[in-house]
Amino acid sequence: MKNAQIKILLLFLICTIISCSINKGLIKREKTDFGTLKYYVQTDSNHFSNIDNKRDKRIVIKVDNFVYYSIYYDLIAKHSKPEKGLGYWLFYEEIPQEMNDPKYYQKLSELDSLVLSKSNKILDSLKWNDFKRWNGATAFEIEVVYYHGFPKNEKFKPY
């Protein structure tokens, strides 16, 4: 009997620790023609600097574990499962003529426009007025993030 009580208490403590360490809350879920969109607010991640309050939070948009969008106070990023080693940063200027090549820039797709337009509404509802908006963006600038390939045995998730 004592063993069972100790196991139940231990299980409860482990569940409590795990739930407290996850700082992500689902704020919206929606089914579309592109898949299920899930909007999360994430806070206190190791990826953020604690210089000010804006930097400890972001919005993460997940599209069927295939594409992730991350909205920070100063930039908007996109990562896709087929191209794990690449990062896409939202670009607001006109694409330079000499760089008008799909290996440098990716024009906004219907999915990008849908996700980002809904993100503006979520930012407004959260009253995060100082976060980056997608209005005026022309494309995503492509950058190699993992020069030697995506790390093996690592789960695909936003960073």
N, C-alpha and C. Protein backbone atom coordinates (compact mmCIF):
# COMPACT_ATOMS: atom_id res chain seq x y z
N MET A 1 0.82 -1.20 0.00
CA MET A 1 0.00 0.00 0.00
C MET A 1 0.86 1.26 0.00
N LYS A 2 1.92 1.27 0.84
CA LYS A 2 2.81 2.44 0.88
C LYS A 2 3.50 2.65 -0.47
N ASN A 3 3.90 1.55 -1.09
CA ASN A 3 4.55 1.65 -2.40
C ASN A 3 3.65 2.32 -3.42
N ALA A 4 2.37 1.97 -3.44
CA ALA A 4 1.42 2.56 -4.39
C ALA A 4 1.25 4.04 -4.13
N GLN A 5 1.19 4.44 -2.85
CA GLN A 5 1.04 5.87 -2.53
C GLN A 5 2.28 6.65 -2.96
N ILE A 6 3.44 6.09 -2.75
CA ILE A 6 4.68 6.76 -3.15
C ILE A 6 4.75 6.90 -4.66
N LYS A 7 4.35 5.86 -5.39
CA LYS A 7 4.36 5.92 -6.86
C LYS A 7 3.38 6.98 -7.38
N ILE A 8 2.20 7.05 -6.77
CA ILE A 8 1.21 8.05 -7.19
C ILE A 8 1.73 9.45 -6.91
N LEU A 9 2.32 9.66 -5.74
CA LEU A 9 2.88 10.97 -5.39
C LEU A 9 4.02 11.34 -6.33
N LEU A 10 4.88 10.40 -6.63
CA LEU A 10 5.99 10.64 -7.56
C LEU A 10 5.48 10.99 -8.96
N LEU A 11 4.48 10.27 -9.42
CA LEU A 11 3.89 10.55 -10.73
C LEU A 11 3.28 11.95 -10.75
N PHE A 12 2.59 12.32 -9.68
CA PHE A 12 2.00 13.65 -9.59
C PHE A 12 3.08 14.74 -9.63
N LEU A 13 4.17 14.55 -8.91
CA LEU A 13 5.26 15.53 -8.90
C LEU A 13 5.91 15.67 -10.28
N ILE A 14 6.12 14.56 -10.94
CA ILE A 14 6.72 14.59 -12.28
C ILE A 14 5.81 15.33 -13.25
N CYS A 15 4.52 15.05 -13.21
CA CYS A 15 3.56 15.74 -14.09
C CYS A 15 3.53 17.24 -13.80
N THR A 16 3.60 17.61 -12.54
CA THR A 16 3.60 19.02 -12.17
C THR A 16 4.85 19.72 -12.70
N ILE A 17 5.99 19.10 -12.55
CA ILE A 17 7.25 19.70 -13.02
C ILE A 17 7.23 19.86 -14.54
N ILE A 18 6.76 18.85 -15.25
CA ILE A 18 6.70 18.92 -16.71
C ILE A 18 5.74 20.01 -17.15
N SER A 19 4.58 20.08 -16.54
CA SER A 19 3.60 21.08 -16.97
C SER A 19 4.07 22.49 -16.66
N CYS A 20 4.83 22.69 -15.61
CA CYS A 20 5.33 24.02 -15.29
C CYS A 20 6.49 24.42 -16.19
N SER A 21 7.20 23.45 -16.75
CA SER A 21 8.34 23.79 -17.59
C SER A 21 7.93 24.12 -19.02
N ILE A 22 6.71 23.81 -19.40
CA ILE A 22 6.23 24.12 -20.75
C ILE A 22 5.55 25.47 -20.70
N ASN A 23 6.14 26.44 -21.37
CA ASN A 23 5.63 27.80 -21.33
C ASN A 23 5.00 28.17 -22.67
N LYS A 24 4.07 27.35 -23.11
CA LYS A 24 3.43 27.56 -24.38
C LYS A 24 1.94 27.36 -24.21
N GLY A 25 1.15 28.31 -24.68
CA GLY A 25 -0.29 28.19 -24.54
C GLY A 25 -0.98 28.33 -25.89
N LEU A 26 -1.85 27.39 -26.21
CA LEU A 26 -2.62 27.43 -27.45
C LEU A 26 -3.65 28.55 -27.34
N ILE A 27 -3.64 29.47 -28.32
CA ILE A 27 -4.60 30.55 -28.28
C ILE A 27 -5.63 30.47 -29.40
N LYS A 28 -5.31 29.73 -30.47
CA LYS A 28 -6.27 29.59 -31.56
C LYS A 28 -5.94 28.35 -32.37
N ARG A 29 -6.99 27.66 -32.79
CA ARG A 29 -6.84 26.48 -33.65
C ARG A 29 -7.87 26.60 -34.75
N GLU A 30 -7.43 26.35 -35.99
CA GLU A 30 -8.33 26.54 -37.11
C GLU A 30 -7.97 25.57 -38.24
N LYS A 31 -8.98 24.96 -38.83
CA LYS A 31 -8.77 24.08 -39.98
C LYS A 31 -8.93 24.89 -41.25
N THR A 32 -8.00 24.70 -42.18
CA THR A 32 -8.05 25.39 -43.47
C THR A 32 -7.77 24.38 -44.58
N ASP A 33 -7.76 24.86 -45.81
CA ASP A 33 -7.43 23.99 -46.95
C ASP A 33 -5.97 23.54 -46.89
N PHE A 34 -5.12 24.28 -46.19
CA PHE A 34 -3.69 23.98 -46.10
C PHE A 34 -3.37 23.04 -44.94
N GLY A 35 -4.33 22.81 -44.07
CA GLY A 35 -4.10 21.98 -42.89
C GLY A 35 -4.59 22.69 -41.64
N THR A 36 -4.26 22.14 -40.50
CA THR A 36 -4.68 22.74 -39.23
C THR A 36 -3.65 23.76 -38.78
N LEU A 37 -4.11 24.99 -38.55
CA LEU A 37 -3.25 26.05 -38.04
C LEU A 37 -3.42 26.13 -36.54
N LYS A 38 -2.31 26.14 -35.82
CA LYS A 38 -2.35 26.29 -34.37
C LYS A 38 -1.48 27.48 -34.00
N TYR A 39 -2.07 28.40 -33.26
CA TYR A 39 -1.38 29.61 -32.82
C TYR A 39 -1.07 29.48 -31.33
N TYR A 40 0.19 29.64 -30.97
CA TYR A 40 0.63 29.53 -29.58
C TYR A 40 1.29 30.83 -29.14
N VAL A 41 1.16 31.13 -27.86
CA VAL A 41 1.97 32.17 -27.23
C VAL A 41 3.02 31.43 -26.42
N GLN A 42 4.28 31.75 -26.65
CA GLN A 42 5.36 31.10 -25.93
C GLN A 42 6.15 32.15 -25.16
N THR A 43 6.44 31.86 -23.90
CA THR A 43 7.18 32.80 -23.07
C THR A 43 8.33 32.10 -22.36
N ASP A 44 9.27 32.90 -21.91
CA ASP A 44 10.39 32.43 -21.09
C ASP A 44 11.15 31.28 -21.71
N SER A 45 11.48 31.36 -22.96
CA SER A 45 12.25 30.31 -23.61
C SER A 45 13.73 30.61 -23.47
N ASN A 46 14.55 29.58 -23.56
CA ASN A 46 16.01 29.77 -23.52
C ASN A 46 16.52 30.50 -24.74
N HIS A 47 15.70 30.60 -25.78
CA HIS A 47 16.13 31.24 -27.01
C HIS A 47 16.06 32.76 -26.92
N PHE A 48 15.49 33.28 -25.86
CA PHE A 48 15.28 34.71 -25.77
C PHE A 48 16.25 35.32 -24.77
N SER A 49 16.57 36.56 -25.04
CA SER A 49 17.37 37.33 -24.10
C SER A 49 16.42 37.98 -23.11
N ASN A 50 16.82 38.12 -21.89
CA ASN A 50 15.96 38.70 -20.87
C ASN A 50 16.27 40.18 -20.66
N ILE A 51 16.62 40.90 -21.71
CA ILE A 51 16.93 42.32 -21.60
C ILE A 51 15.67 43.10 -21.26
N ASP A 52 14.59 42.82 -21.94
CA ASP A 52 13.33 43.48 -21.63
C ASP A 52 12.18 42.49 -21.81
N ASN A 53 11.01 42.90 -21.41
CA ASN A 53 9.85 42.02 -21.39
C ASN A 53 9.44 41.55 -22.79
N LYS A 54 9.66 42.37 -23.82
CA LYS A 54 9.26 42.00 -25.18
C LYS A 54 10.02 40.78 -25.66
N ARG A 55 11.25 40.63 -25.22
CA ARG A 55 12.09 39.57 -25.76
C ARG A 55 11.82 38.20 -25.15
N ASP A 56 11.01 38.13 -24.08
CA ASP A 56 10.77 36.80 -23.54
C ASP A 56 9.49 36.19 -24.06
N LYS A 57 8.94 36.68 -25.12
CA LYS A 57 7.72 36.08 -25.66
C LYS A 57 7.71 36.16 -27.18
N ARG A 58 6.93 35.25 -27.75
CA ARG A 58 6.75 35.21 -29.20
C ARG A 58 5.45 34.48 -29.48
N ILE A 59 5.01 34.60 -30.72
CA ILE A 59 3.88 33.81 -31.20
C ILE A 59 4.46 32.77 -32.15
N VAL A 60 4.05 31.53 -31.97
CA VAL A 60 4.46 30.44 -32.85
C VAL A 60 3.22 29.93 -33.54
N ILE A 61 3.29 29.83 -34.87
CA ILE A 61 2.18 29.29 -35.65
C ILE A 61 2.67 27.99 -36.28
N LYS A 62 1.94 26.93 -36.01
CA LYS A 62 2.32 25.60 -36.48
C LYS A 62 1.29 25.16 -37.51
N VAL A 63 1.76 24.72 -38.67
CA VAL A 63 0.87 24.21 -39.72
C VAL A 63 1.17 22.72 -39.89
N ASP A 64 0.35 21.89 -39.24
CA ASP A 64 0.46 20.42 -39.33
C ASP A 64 1.88 19.89 -39.13
N ASN A 65 2.64 20.46 -38.22
CA ASN A 65 4.01 20.02 -37.95
C ASN A 65 4.86 20.00 -39.22
N PHE A 66 4.52 20.83 -40.16
CA PHE A 66 5.20 20.89 -41.45
C PHE A 66 5.91 22.23 -41.64
N VAL A 67 5.27 23.29 -41.19
CA VAL A 67 5.83 24.64 -41.28
C VAL A 67 5.59 25.34 -39.95
N TYR A 68 6.61 26.08 -39.51
CA TYR A 68 6.49 26.90 -38.31
C TYR A 68 6.77 28.35 -38.67
N TYR A 69 5.94 29.23 -38.15
CA TYR A 69 6.18 30.66 -38.24
C TYR A 69 6.42 31.16 -36.82
N SER A 70 7.39 32.03 -36.63
CA SER A 70 7.67 32.61 -35.32
C SER A 70 7.62 34.12 -35.46
N ILE A 71 6.83 34.76 -34.62
CA ILE A 71 6.69 36.22 -34.67
C ILE A 71 7.29 36.79 -33.40
N TYR A 72 8.34 37.57 -33.58
CA TYR A 72 9.04 38.23 -32.49
C TYR A 72 8.74 39.72 -32.55
N TYR A 73 9.24 40.45 -31.59
CA TYR A 73 8.99 41.89 -31.59
C TYR A 73 9.76 42.58 -32.72
N ASP A 74 10.83 41.97 -33.23
CA ASP A 74 11.64 42.63 -34.25
C ASP A 74 11.75 41.88 -35.58
N LEU A 75 11.20 40.67 -35.68
CA LEU A 75 11.29 39.92 -36.95
C LEU A 75 10.24 38.83 -37.00
N ILE A 76 10.01 38.34 -38.21
CA ILE A 76 9.12 37.20 -38.44
C ILE A 76 9.92 36.15 -39.20
N ALA A 77 9.92 34.93 -38.68
CA ALA A 77 10.70 33.85 -39.27
C ALA A 77 9.78 32.70 -39.66
N LYS A 78 10.28 31.90 -40.61
CA LYS A 78 9.53 30.72 -41.07
C LYS A 78 10.54 29.58 -41.23
N HIS A 79 10.12 28.37 -40.85
CA HIS A 79 10.95 27.18 -41.02
C HIS A 79 10.06 26.06 -41.53
N SER A 80 10.56 25.31 -42.50
CA SER A 80 9.74 24.23 -43.06
C SER A 80 10.48 22.90 -42.95
N LYS A 81 9.71 21.86 -42.79
CA LYS A 81 10.27 20.53 -42.59
C LYS A 81 11.09 20.03 -43.79
N PRO A 82 10.63 20.24 -45.03
CA PRO A 82 11.44 19.73 -46.16
C PRO A 82 12.81 20.40 -46.26
N GLU A 83 12.92 21.64 -45.82
CA GLU A 83 14.20 22.37 -45.88
C GLU A 83 14.60 22.79 -44.47
N LYS A 84 14.88 21.81 -43.62
CA LYS A 84 15.17 22.05 -42.22
C LYS A 84 16.40 22.93 -42.00
N GLY A 85 17.33 22.87 -42.89
CA GLY A 85 18.57 23.62 -42.73
C GLY A 85 18.48 25.09 -43.12
N LEU A 86 17.31 25.50 -43.64
CA LEU A 86 17.15 26.88 -44.09
C LEU A 86 16.23 27.65 -43.16
N GLY A 87 16.49 28.93 -43.03
CA GLY A 87 15.62 29.83 -42.30
C GLY A 87 15.09 30.88 -43.25
N TYR A 88 13.88 31.30 -43.07
CA TYR A 88 13.24 32.29 -43.94
C TYR A 88 12.89 33.49 -43.07
N TRP A 89 13.39 34.66 -43.40
CA TRP A 89 13.13 35.89 -42.64
C TRP A 89 12.30 36.80 -43.52
N LEU A 90 11.23 37.34 -42.98
CA LEU A 90 10.34 38.20 -43.76
C LEU A 90 11.10 39.44 -44.24
N PHE A 91 10.94 39.74 -45.52
CA PHE A 91 11.69 40.80 -46.19
C PHE A 91 10.70 41.87 -46.65
N TYR A 92 10.98 43.13 -46.34
CA TYR A 92 10.02 44.21 -46.59
C TYR A 92 10.38 45.12 -47.75
N GLU A 93 11.55 45.02 -48.27
CA GLU A 93 11.96 45.90 -49.36
C GLU A 93 11.68 45.23 -50.70
N GLU A 94 11.96 45.95 -51.76
CA GLU A 94 11.82 45.35 -53.08
C GLU A 94 13.01 44.43 -53.31
N ILE A 95 12.74 43.27 -53.91
CA ILE A 95 13.81 42.30 -54.16
C ILE A 95 14.78 42.88 -55.18
N PRO A 96 16.09 42.90 -54.87
CA PRO A 96 17.07 43.43 -55.83
C PRO A 96 17.04 42.62 -57.13
N GLN A 97 17.14 43.30 -58.24
CA GLN A 97 17.04 42.65 -59.55
C GLN A 97 18.09 41.55 -59.72
N GLU A 98 19.32 41.78 -59.27
CA GLU A 98 20.37 40.78 -59.43
C GLU A 98 20.18 39.57 -58.49
N MET A 99 19.33 39.72 -57.48
CA MET A 99 19.08 38.64 -56.54
C MET A 99 17.70 38.00 -56.76
N ASN A 100 17.02 38.36 -57.82
CA ASN A 100 15.67 37.87 -58.08
C ASN A 100 15.74 36.41 -58.55
N ASP A 101 16.09 35.55 -57.61
CA ASP A 101 16.30 34.14 -57.87
C ASP A 101 15.67 33.35 -56.72
N PRO A 102 14.97 32.25 -57.00
CA PRO A 102 14.32 31.49 -55.92
C PRO A 102 15.28 30.95 -54.85
N LYS A 103 16.58 30.93 -55.11
CA LYS A 103 17.48 30.43 -54.08
C LYS A 103 17.85 31.51 -53.06
N TYR A 104 17.49 32.76 -53.34
CA TYR A 104 17.75 33.85 -52.40
C TYR A 104 16.49 34.37 -51.72
N TYR A 105 15.39 34.38 -52.44
CA TYR A 105 14.13 34.92 -51.93
C TYR A 105 12.99 34.00 -52.31
N GLN A 106 12.00 33.92 -51.42
CA GLN A 106 10.79 33.13 -51.70
C GLN A 106 9.60 34.07 -51.59
N LYS A 107 8.88 34.21 -52.69
CA LYS A 107 7.70 35.08 -52.68
C LYS A 107 6.66 34.52 -51.72
N LEU A 108 5.83 35.40 -51.18
CA LEU A 108 4.81 34.98 -50.23
C LEU A 108 3.77 34.10 -50.93
N SER A 109 3.45 32.98 -50.31
CA SER A 109 2.46 32.06 -50.87
C SER A 109 1.10 32.40 -50.26
N GLU A 110 0.08 31.69 -50.72
CA GLU A 110 -1.27 31.87 -50.15
C GLU A 110 -1.27 31.48 -48.67
N LEU A 111 -0.57 30.40 -48.34
CA LEU A 111 -0.49 29.97 -46.94
C LEU A 111 0.19 31.06 -46.10
N ASP A 112 1.29 31.61 -46.59
CA ASP A 112 1.98 32.67 -45.85
C ASP A 112 1.04 33.85 -45.59
N SER A 113 0.35 34.28 -46.63
CA SER A 113 -0.57 35.42 -46.49
C SER A 113 -1.69 35.13 -45.50
N LEU A 114 -2.24 33.92 -45.57
CA LEU A 114 -3.32 33.54 -44.66
C LEU A 114 -2.83 33.53 -43.21
N VAL A 115 -1.73 32.86 -42.97
CA VAL A 115 -1.19 32.74 -41.60
C VAL A 115 -0.82 34.11 -41.05
N LEU A 116 -0.14 34.89 -41.84
CA LEU A 116 0.35 36.18 -41.35
C LEU A 116 -0.78 37.20 -41.17
N SER A 117 -1.80 37.16 -42.01
CA SER A 117 -2.92 38.09 -41.83
C SER A 117 -3.67 37.77 -40.54
N LYS A 118 -3.83 36.48 -40.24
CA LYS A 118 -4.49 36.10 -38.99
C LYS A 118 -3.60 36.43 -37.79
N SER A 119 -2.30 36.39 -37.97
CA SER A 119 -1.40 36.72 -36.86
C SER A 119 -1.53 38.19 -36.47
N ASN A 120 -1.79 39.05 -37.44
CA ASN A 120 -1.99 40.47 -37.11
C ASN A 120 -3.20 40.64 -36.19
N LYS A 121 -4.27 39.90 -36.46
CA LYS A 121 -5.47 39.97 -35.62
C LYS A 121 -5.17 39.46 -34.20
N ILE A 122 -4.37 38.41 -34.11
CA ILE A 122 -4.02 37.88 -32.80
C ILE A 122 -3.14 38.86 -32.04
N LEU A 123 -2.19 39.48 -32.72
CA LEU A 123 -1.36 40.49 -32.06
C LEU A 123 -2.21 41.64 -31.55
N ASP A 124 -3.21 42.04 -32.34
CA ASP A 124 -4.12 43.10 -31.91
C ASP A 124 -4.91 42.67 -30.68
N SER A 125 -5.41 41.43 -30.68
CA SER A 125 -6.23 40.97 -29.54
C SER A 125 -5.39 40.85 -28.27
N LEU A 126 -4.09 40.54 -28.42
CA LEU A 126 -3.20 40.45 -27.26
C LEU A 126 -2.66 41.83 -26.84
N LYS A 127 -2.92 42.84 -27.69
CA LYS A 127 -2.43 44.21 -27.48
C LYS A 127 -0.89 44.25 -27.50
N TRP A 128 -0.30 43.45 -28.36
CA TRP A 128 1.14 43.46 -28.56
C TRP A 128 1.43 44.38 -29.75
N ASN A 129 1.23 45.65 -29.57
CA ASN A 129 1.33 46.62 -30.65
C ASN A 129 2.75 46.84 -31.14
N ASP A 130 3.75 46.52 -30.33
CA ASP A 130 5.13 46.76 -30.73
C ASP A 130 5.78 45.54 -31.40
N PHE A 131 5.01 44.50 -31.67
CA PHE A 131 5.55 43.33 -32.36
C PHE A 131 5.51 43.55 -33.87
N LYS A 132 6.39 42.84 -34.56
CA LYS A 132 6.53 42.98 -36.01
C LYS A 132 5.25 42.52 -36.71
N ARG A 133 4.83 43.28 -37.71
CA ARG A 133 3.66 42.93 -38.53
C ARG A 133 4.16 42.56 -39.92
N TRP A 134 3.32 41.89 -40.67
CA TRP A 134 3.74 41.46 -42.00
C TRP A 134 3.36 42.45 -43.09
N ASN A 135 2.60 43.48 -42.76
CA ASN A 135 2.15 44.46 -43.75
C ASN A 135 3.34 45.07 -44.49
N GLY A 136 3.28 45.04 -45.79
CA GLY A 136 4.34 45.62 -46.62
C GLY A 136 5.43 44.63 -46.99
N ALA A 137 5.36 43.40 -46.51
CA ALA A 137 6.38 42.41 -46.84
C ALA A 137 6.20 41.95 -48.29
N THR A 138 7.32 41.67 -48.93
CA THR A 138 7.28 41.24 -50.32
C THR A 138 7.66 39.78 -50.50
N ALA A 139 8.50 39.26 -49.60
CA ALA A 139 9.01 37.89 -49.75
C ALA A 139 9.68 37.46 -48.45
N PHE A 140 10.16 36.23 -48.46
CA PHE A 140 11.02 35.73 -47.38
C PHE A 140 12.44 35.68 -47.93
N GLU A 141 13.37 36.21 -47.17
CA GLU A 141 14.79 36.10 -47.51
C GLU A 141 15.28 34.77 -46.97
N ILE A 142 15.97 34.01 -47.80
CA ILE A 142 16.41 32.66 -47.42
C ILE A 142 17.84 32.71 -46.91
N GLU A 143 18.05 32.03 -45.79
CA GLU A 143 19.39 31.98 -45.19
C GLU A 143 19.66 30.55 -44.73
N VAL A 144 20.89 30.10 -44.91
CA VAL A 144 21.28 28.79 -44.42
C VAL A 144 21.51 28.90 -42.92
N VAL A 145 20.80 28.08 -42.16
CA VAL A 145 20.90 28.12 -40.70
C VAL A 145 21.82 27.00 -40.21
N TYR A 146 21.65 25.82 -40.75
CA TYR A 146 22.50 24.69 -40.39
C TYR A 146 23.40 24.38 -41.57
N TYR A 147 24.65 24.81 -41.49
CA TYR A 147 25.58 24.66 -42.60
C TYR A 147 25.98 23.21 -42.85
N HIS A 148 25.92 22.37 -41.84
CA HIS A 148 26.32 20.97 -41.99
C HIS A 148 25.12 20.04 -41.91
N GLY A 149 23.93 20.58 -42.22
CA GLY A 149 22.72 19.77 -42.18
C GLY A 149 22.03 19.86 -40.84
N PHE A 150 20.75 19.58 -40.84
CA PHE A 150 19.95 19.61 -39.62
C PHE A 150 20.46 18.52 -38.68
N PRO A 151 20.63 18.81 -37.40
CA PRO A 151 21.17 17.80 -36.47
C PRO A 151 20.35 16.52 -36.46
N LYS A 152 21.03 15.40 -36.54
CA LYS A 152 20.37 14.10 -36.54
C LYS A 152 19.70 13.87 -35.18
N ASN A 153 18.61 13.16 -35.20
CA ASN A 153 17.85 12.80 -34.00
C ASN A 153 17.29 14.00 -33.26
N GLU A 154 17.19 15.15 -33.92
CA GLU A 154 16.58 16.31 -33.28
C GLU A 154 15.20 16.52 -33.86
N LYS A 155 14.24 16.77 -33.00
CA LYS A 155 12.86 16.96 -33.41
C LYS A 155 12.73 18.29 -34.16
N PHE A 156 11.96 18.29 -35.23
CA PHE A 156 11.71 19.53 -35.98
C PHE A 156 10.77 20.41 -35.19
N LYS A 157 11.24 21.58 -34.79
CA LYS A 157 10.45 22.53 -34.03
C LYS A 157 11.02 23.93 -34.25
N PRO A 158 10.24 24.95 -33.95
CA PRO A 158 10.77 26.30 -34.14
C PRO A 158 11.87 26.60 -33.14
N TYR A 159 12.78 27.47 -33.53
CA TYR A 159 13.84 27.85 -32.60
C TYR A 159 13.93 29.33 -32.49
